[in-house]
Amino acid sequence: LAATAAFEAVRPLPEAARDLLTAHGAAAR
């Protein structure tokens, strides 16, 4: 259970990476 729960901390990172890149594109404009 601890191993499974540990991934809750990193599960949002892929979406955060996409949002960050989208924000960078808007900031560049």
PDB file of all heavy atoms in Angstrom:
ATOM      1  N   LEU A   1       0.820  -1.216   0.000  1.00  0.00           N
ATOM      2  CA  LEU A   1       0.000   0.000   0.000  1.00  0.00           C
ATOM      3  C   LEU A   1       0.856   1.269   0.000  1.00  0.00           C
ATOM      4  O   LEU A   1       0.522   2.273  -0.631  1.00  0.00           O
ATOM      5  CB  LEU A   1      -0.936  -0.008   1.198  1.00  0.00           C
ATOM      6  CG  LEU A   1      -2.060  -1.062   1.152  1.00  0.00           C
ATOM      7  CD1 LEU A   1      -2.812  -1.085   2.473  1.00  0.00           C
ATOM      8  CD2 LEU A   1      -3.012  -0.776  -0.007  1.00  0.00           C
ATOM      9  N   ALA A   2       1.972   1.213   0.722  1.00  0.00           N
ATOM     10  CA  ALA A   2       2.869   2.380   0.767  1.00  0.00           C
ATOM     11  C   ALA A   2       3.458   2.663  -0.607  1.00  0.00           C
ATOM     12  O   ALA A   2       3.590   3.819  -1.030  1.00  0.00           O
ATOM     13  CB  ALA A   2       3.969   2.150   1.790  1.00  0.00           C
ATOM     14  N   ALA A   3       3.832   1.577  -1.324  1.00  0.00           N
ATOM     15  CA  ALA A   3       4.382   1.760  -2.668  1.00  0.00           C
ATOM     16  C   ALA A   3       3.344   2.393  -3.594  1.00  0.00           C
ATOM     17  O   ALA A   3       3.642   3.296  -4.390  1.00  0.00           O
ATOM     18  CB  ALA A   3       4.849   0.426  -3.226  1.00  0.00           C
ATOM     19  N   THR A   4       2.096   1.896  -3.495  1.00  0.00           N
ATOM     20  CA  THR A   4       1.028   2.462  -4.337  1.00  0.00           C
ATOM     21  C   THR A   4       0.765   3.921  -3.979  1.00  0.00           C
ATOM     22  O   THR A   4       0.616   4.787  -4.850  1.00  0.00           O
ATOM     23  CB  THR A   4      -0.255   1.641  -4.159  1.00  0.00           C
ATOM     24  OG1 THR A   4       0.002   0.274  -4.489  1.00  0.00           O
ATOM     25  CG2 THR A   4      -1.358   2.172  -5.053  1.00  0.00           C
ATOM     26  N   ALA A   5       0.718   4.217  -2.672  1.00  0.00           N
ATOM     27  CA  ALA A   5       0.439   5.590  -2.234  1.00  0.00           C
ATOM     28  C   ALA A   5       1.542   6.562  -2.633  1.00  0.00           C
ATOM     29  O   ALA A   5       1.286   7.755  -2.871  1.00  0.00           O
ATOM     30  CB  ALA A   5       0.235   5.624  -0.723  1.00  0.00           C
ATOM     31  N   ALA A   6       2.780   6.058  -2.721  1.00  0.00           N
ATOM     32  CA  ALA A   6       3.896   6.944  -3.068  1.00  0.00           C
ATOM     33  C   ALA A   6       3.699   7.576  -4.439  1.00  0.00           C
ATOM     34  O   ALA A   6       4.150   8.703  -4.689  1.00  0.00           O
ATOM     35  CB  ALA A   6       5.205   6.177  -3.017  1.00  0.00           C
ATOM     36  N   PHE A   7       3.019   6.870  -5.328  1.00  0.00           N
ATOM     37  CA  PHE A   7       2.821   7.401  -6.679  1.00  0.00           C
ATOM     38  C   PHE A   7       1.780   8.511  -6.733  1.00  0.00           C
ATOM     39  O   PHE A   7       1.668   9.194  -7.749  1.00  0.00           O
ATOM     40  CB  PHE A   7       2.440   6.259  -7.629  1.00  0.00           C
ATOM     41  CG  PHE A   7       3.634   5.536  -8.184  1.00  0.00           C
ATOM     42  CD1 PHE A   7       4.217   4.509  -7.471  1.00  0.00           C
ATOM     43  CD2 PHE A   7       4.197   5.911  -9.390  1.00  0.00           C
ATOM     44  CE1 PHE A   7       5.327   3.853  -7.958  1.00  0.00           C
ATOM     45  CE2 PHE A   7       5.313   5.253  -9.891  1.00  0.00           C
ATOM     46  CZ  PHE A   7       5.883   4.220  -9.169  1.00  0.00           C
ATOM     47  N   GLU A   8       0.996   8.672  -5.665  1.00  0.00           N
ATOM     48  CA  GLU A   8       0.040   9.781  -5.661  1.00  0.00           C
ATOM     49  C   GLU A   8       0.747  11.127  -5.737  1.00  0.00           C
ATOM     50  O   GLU A   8       0.194  12.109  -6.226  1.00  0.00           O
ATOM     51  CB  GLU A   8      -0.834   9.699  -4.403  1.00  0.00           C
ATOM     52  CG  GLU A   8      -1.737   8.485  -4.343  1.00  0.00           C
ATOM     53  CD  GLU A   8      -2.695   8.418  -5.516  1.00  0.00           C
ATOM     54  OE1 GLU A   8      -3.231   9.483  -5.902  1.00  0.00           O
ATOM     55  OE2 GLU A   8      -2.886   7.324  -6.070  1.00  0.00           O
ATOM     56  N   ALA A   9       1.983  11.167  -5.261  1.00  0.00           N
ATOM     57  CA  ALA A   9       2.734  12.424  -5.277  1.00  0.00           C
ATOM     58  C   ALA A   9       3.238  12.765  -6.679  1.00  0.00           C
ATOM     59  O   ALA A   9       3.436  13.937  -7.010  1.00  0.00           O
ATOM     60  CB  ALA A   9       3.907  12.356  -4.310  1.00  0.00           C
ATOM     61  N   VAL A  10       3.449  11.739  -7.519  1.00  0.00           N
ATOM     62  CA  VAL A  10       4.014  12.002  -8.838  1.00  0.00           C
ATOM     63  C   VAL A  10       2.985  11.868  -9.955  1.00  0.00           C
ATOM     64  O   VAL A  10       3.250  12.253 -11.092  1.00  0.00           O
ATOM     65  CB  VAL A  10       5.197  11.051  -9.123  1.00  0.00           C
ATOM     66  CG1 VAL A  10       6.315  11.288  -8.124  1.00  0.00           C
ATOM     67  CG2 VAL A  10       4.747   9.610  -9.095  1.00  0.00           C
ATOM     68  N   ARG A  11       1.810  11.327  -9.637  1.00  0.00           N
ATOM     69  CA  ARG A  11       0.804  11.140 -10.680  1.00  0.00           C
ATOM     70  C   ARG A  11       0.411  12.458 -11.373  1.00  0.00           C
ATOM     71  O   ARG A  11       0.181  12.474 -12.585  1.00  0.00           O
ATOM     72  CB  ARG A  11      -0.436  10.463 -10.077  1.00  0.00           C
ATOM     73  CG  ARG A  11      -1.463  10.015 -11.116  1.00  0.00           C
ATOM     74  CD  ARG A  11      -2.612   9.259 -10.466  1.00  0.00           C
ATOM     75  NE  ARG A  11      -2.155   7.999  -9.880  1.00  0.00           N
ATOM     76  CZ  ARG A  11      -2.024   6.866 -10.576  1.00  0.00           C
ATOM     77  NH1 ARG A  11      -2.304   6.843 -11.867  1.00  0.00           N
ATOM     78  NH2 ARG A  11      -1.606   5.773  -9.983  1.00  0.00           N
ATOM     79  N   PRO A  12       0.305  13.608 -10.660  1.00  0.00           N
ATOM     80  CA  PRO A  12      -0.066  14.854 -11.355  1.00  0.00           C
ATOM     81  C   PRO A  12       1.049  15.461 -12.206  1.00  0.00           C
ATOM     82  O   PRO A  12       0.810  16.413 -12.940  1.00  0.00           O
ATOM     83  CB  PRO A  12      -0.424  15.806 -10.197  1.00  0.00           C
ATOM     84  CG  PRO A  12      -0.589  14.952  -8.992  1.00  0.00           C
ATOM     85  CD  PRO A  12       0.335  13.797  -9.207  1.00  0.00           C
ATOM     86  N   LEU A  13       2.291  14.937 -12.106  1.00  0.00           N
ATOM     87  CA  LEU A  13       3.419  15.592 -12.782  1.00  0.00           C
ATOM     88  C   LEU A  13       3.293  15.622 -14.306  1.00  0.00           C
ATOM     89  O   LEU A  13       3.622  16.640 -14.922  1.00  0.00           O
ATOM     90  CB  LEU A  13       4.730  14.935 -12.365  1.00  0.00           C
ATOM     91  CG  LEU A  13       5.134  15.157 -10.898  1.00  0.00           C
ATOM     92  CD1 LEU A  13       6.486  14.508 -10.609  1.00  0.00           C
ATOM     93  CD2 LEU A  13       5.196  16.646 -10.577  1.00  0.00           C
ATOM     94  N   PRO A  14       2.851  14.550 -14.976  1.00  0.00           N
ATOM     95  CA  PRO A  14       2.717  14.651 -16.442  1.00  0.00           C
ATOM     96  C   PRO A  14       1.758  15.763 -16.869  1.00  0.00           C
ATOM     97  O   PRO A  14       2.053  16.534 -17.796  1.00  0.00           O
ATOM     98  CB  PRO A  14       2.186  13.266 -16.834  1.00  0.00           C
ATOM     99  CG  PRO A  14       2.658  12.363 -15.760  1.00  0.00           C
ATOM    100  CD  PRO A  14       2.607  13.174 -14.508  1.00  0.00           C
ATOM    101  N   GLU A  15       0.604  15.872 -16.196  1.00  0.00           N
ATOM    102  CA  GLU A  15      -0.340  16.942 -16.531  1.00  0.00           C
ATOM    103  C   GLU A  15       0.248  18.312 -16.215  1.00  0.00           C
ATOM    104  O   GLU A  15       0.057  19.280 -16.974  1.00  0.00           O
ATOM    105  CB  GLU A  15      -1.640  16.749 -15.770  1.00  0.00           C
ATOM    106  CG  GLU A  15      -2.711  17.755 -16.146  1.00  0.00           C
ATOM    107  CD  GLU A  15      -4.028  17.515 -15.433  1.00  0.00           C
ATOM    108  OE1 GLU A  15      -4.151  16.501 -14.717  1.00  0.00           O
ATOM    109  OE2 GLU A  15      -4.942  18.332 -15.603  1.00  0.00           O
ATOM    110  N   ALA A  16       1.002  18.373 -15.098  1.00  0.00           N
ATOM    111  CA  ALA A  16       1.642  19.643 -14.754  1.00  0.00           C
ATOM    112  C   ALA A  16       2.668  20.039 -15.810  1.00  0.00           C
ATOM    113  O   ALA A  16       2.805  21.227 -16.147  1.00  0.00           O
ATOM    114  CB  ALA A  16       2.306  19.532 -13.389  1.00  0.00           C
ATOM    115  N   ALA A  17       3.370  19.056 -16.359  1.00  0.00           N
ATOM    116  CA  ALA A  17       4.352  19.351 -17.405  1.00  0.00           C
ATOM    117  C   ALA A  17       3.664  19.928 -18.637  1.00  0.00           C
ATOM    118  O   ALA A  17       4.133  20.909 -19.238  1.00  0.00           O
ATOM    119  CB  ALA A  17       5.121  18.086 -17.769  1.00  0.00           C
ATOM    120  N   ARG A  18       2.534  19.345 -19.024  1.00  0.00           N
ATOM    121  CA  ARG A  18       1.800  19.864 -20.191  1.00  0.00           C
ATOM    122  C   ARG A  18       1.269  21.264 -19.914  1.00  0.00           C
ATOM    123  O   ARG A  18       1.349  22.150 -20.775  1.00  0.00           O
ATOM    124  CB  ARG A  18       0.641  18.923 -20.536  1.00  0.00           C
ATOM    125  CG  ARG A  18       1.086  17.550 -21.043  1.00  0.00           C
ATOM    126  CD  ARG A  18      -0.060  16.824 -21.734  1.00  0.00           C
ATOM    127  NE  ARG A  18      -1.240  16.740 -20.879  1.00  0.00           N
ATOM    128  CZ  ARG A  18      -1.456  15.782 -19.984  1.00  0.00           C
ATOM    129  NH1 ARG A  18      -0.539  14.837 -19.805  1.00  0.00           N
ATOM    130  NH2 ARG A  18      -2.553  15.759 -19.266  1.00  0.00           N
ATOM    131  N   ASP A  19       0.720  21.478 -18.706  1.00  0.00           N
ATOM    132  CA  ASP A  19       0.203  22.814 -18.371  1.00  0.00           C
ATOM    133  C   ASP A  19       1.315  23.851 -18.362  1.00  0.00           C
ATOM    134  O   ASP A  19       1.123  24.999 -18.781  1.00  0.00           O
ATOM    135  CB  ASP A  19      -0.498  22.773 -17.012  1.00  0.00           C
ATOM    136  CG  ASP A  19      -1.804  22.001 -17.056  1.00  0.00           C
ATOM    137  OD1 ASP A  19      -2.303  21.762 -18.174  1.00  0.00           O
ATOM    138  OD2 ASP A  19      -2.319  21.631 -15.978  1.00  0.00           O
ATOM    139  N   LEU A  20       2.482  23.449 -17.862  1.00  0.00           N
ATOM    140  CA  LEU A  20       3.615  24.374 -17.801  1.00  0.00           C
ATOM    141  C   LEU A  20       4.036  24.794 -19.201  1.00  0.00           C
ATOM    142  O   LEU A  20       4.291  25.990 -19.463  1.00  0.00           O
ATOM    143  CB  LEU A  20       4.784  23.732 -17.063  1.00  0.00           C
ATOM    144  CG  LEU A  20       6.057  24.584 -16.927  1.00  0.00           C
ATOM    145  CD1 LEU A  20       5.763  25.846 -16.116  1.00  0.00           C
ATOM    146  CD2 LEU A  20       7.181  23.788 -16.280  1.00  0.00           C
ATOM    147  N   LEU A  21       4.094  23.843 -20.120  1.00  0.00           N
ATOM    148  CA  LEU A  21       4.489  24.163 -21.485  1.00  0.00           C
ATOM    149  C   LEU A  21       3.432  25.038 -22.167  1.00  0.00           C
ATOM    150  O   LEU A  21       3.760  25.940 -22.937  1.00  0.00           O
ATOM    151  CB  LEU A  21       4.706  22.880 -22.276  1.00  0.00           C
ATOM    152  CG  LEU A  21       5.952  22.082 -21.847  1.00  0.00           C
ATOM    153  CD1 LEU A  21       5.937  20.701 -22.471  1.00  0.00           C
ATOM    154  CD2 LEU A  21       7.221  22.823 -22.248  1.00  0.00           C
ATOM    155  N   THR A  22       2.164  24.770 -21.885  1.00  0.00           N
ATOM    156  CA  THR A  22       1.098  25.614 -22.435  1.00  0.00           C
ATOM    157  C   THR A  22       1.215  27.041 -21.911  1.00  0.00           C
ATOM    158  O   THR A  22       1.063  28.018 -22.656  1.00  0.00           O
ATOM    159  CB  THR A  22      -0.278  25.033 -22.073  1.00  0.00           C
ATOM    160  OG1 THR A  22      -0.386  23.716 -22.610  1.00  0.00           O
ATOM    161  CG2 THR A  22      -1.394  25.894 -22.638  1.00  0.00           C
ATOM    162  N   ALA A  23       1.494  27.165 -20.612  1.00  0.00           N
ATOM    163  CA  ALA A  23       1.673  28.494 -20.018  1.00  0.00           C
ATOM    164  C   ALA A  23       2.877  29.203 -20.619  1.00  0.00           C
ATOM    165  O   ALA A  23       2.845  30.418 -20.854  1.00  0.00           O
ATOM    166  CB  ALA A  23       1.826  28.377 -18.504  1.00  0.00           C
ATOM    167  N   HIS A  24       3.950  28.446 -20.906  1.00  0.00           N
ATOM    168  CA  HIS A  24       5.125  29.058 -21.526  1.00  0.00           C
ATOM    169  C   HIS A  24       4.780  29.600 -22.910  1.00  0.00           C
ATOM    170  O   HIS A  24       5.250  30.682 -23.303  1.00  0.00           O
ATOM    171  CB  HIS A  24       6.249  28.022 -21.641  1.00  0.00           C
ATOM    172  CG  HIS A  24       7.010  27.854 -20.361  1.00  0.00           C
ATOM    173  ND1 HIS A  24       7.908  26.830 -20.151  1.00  0.00           N
ATOM    174  CD2 HIS A  24       7.012  28.565 -19.211  1.00  0.00           C
ATOM    175  CE1 HIS A  24       8.423  26.921 -18.944  1.00  0.00           C
ATOM    176  NE2 HIS A  24       7.884  27.973 -18.349  1.00  0.00           N
ATOM    177  N   GLY A  25       3.966  28.848 -23.649  1.00  0.00           N
ATOM    178  CA  GLY A  25       3.567  29.330 -24.968  1.00  0.00           C
ATOM    179  C   GLY A  25       2.754  30.611 -24.886  1.00  0.00           C
ATOM    180  O   GLY A  25       2.963  31.544 -25.665  1.00  0.00           O
ATOM    181  N   ALA A  26       1.823  30.667 -23.926  1.00  0.00           N
ATOM    182  CA  ALA A  26       1.029  31.884 -23.740  1.00  0.00           C
ATOM    183  C   ALA A  26       1.908  33.051 -23.296  1.00  0.00           C
ATOM    184  O   ALA A  26       1.741  34.190 -23.749  1.00  0.00           O
ATOM    185  CB  ALA A  26      -0.080  31.634 -22.730  1.00  0.00           C
ATOM    186  N   ALA A  27       2.858  32.757 -22.404  1.00  0.00           N
ATOM    187  CA  ALA A  27       3.757  33.813 -21.922  1.00  0.00           C
ATOM    188  C   ALA A  27       4.613  34.364 -23.055  1.00  0.00           C
ATOM    189  O   ALA A  27       4.878  35.574 -23.126  1.00  0.00           O
ATOM    190  CB  ALA A  27       4.641  33.273 -20.803  1.00  0.00           C
ATOM    191  N   ALA A  28       5.034  33.483 -23.970  1.00  0.00           N
ATOM    192  CA  ALA A  28       5.845  33.948 -25.097  1.00  0.00           C
ATOM    193  C   ALA A  28       5.048  34.899 -25.981  1.00  0.00           C
ATOM    194  O   ALA A  28       5.579  35.893 -26.487  1.00  0.00           O
ATOM    195  CB  ALA A  28       6.337  32.749 -25.904  1.00  0.00           C
ATOM    196  N   ARG A  29       3.754  34.593 -26.167  1.00  0.00           N
ATOM    197  CA  ARG A  29       2.919  35.484 -26.976  1.00  0.00           C
ATOM    198  C   ARG A  29       2.754  36.841 -26.293  1.00  0.00           C
ATOM    199  O   ARG A  29       2.774  37.890 -26.939  1.00  0.00           O
ATOM    200  CB  ARG A  29       1.550  34.843 -27.198  1.00  0.00           C
ATOM    201  CG  ARG A  29       1.577  33.687 -28.182  1.00  0.00           C
ATOM    202  CD  ARG A  29       0.261  32.942 -28.202  1.00  0.00           C
ATOM    203  NE  ARG A  29      -0.877  33.812 -28.438  1.00  0.00           N
ATOM    204  CZ  ARG A  29      -1.234  34.282 -29.628  1.00  0.00           C
ATOM    205  NH1 ARG A  29      -0.525  33.947 -30.693  1.00  0.00           N
ATOM    206  NH2 ARG A  29      -2.282  35.072 -29.768  1.00  0.00           N
TER     207      ARG A  29
END
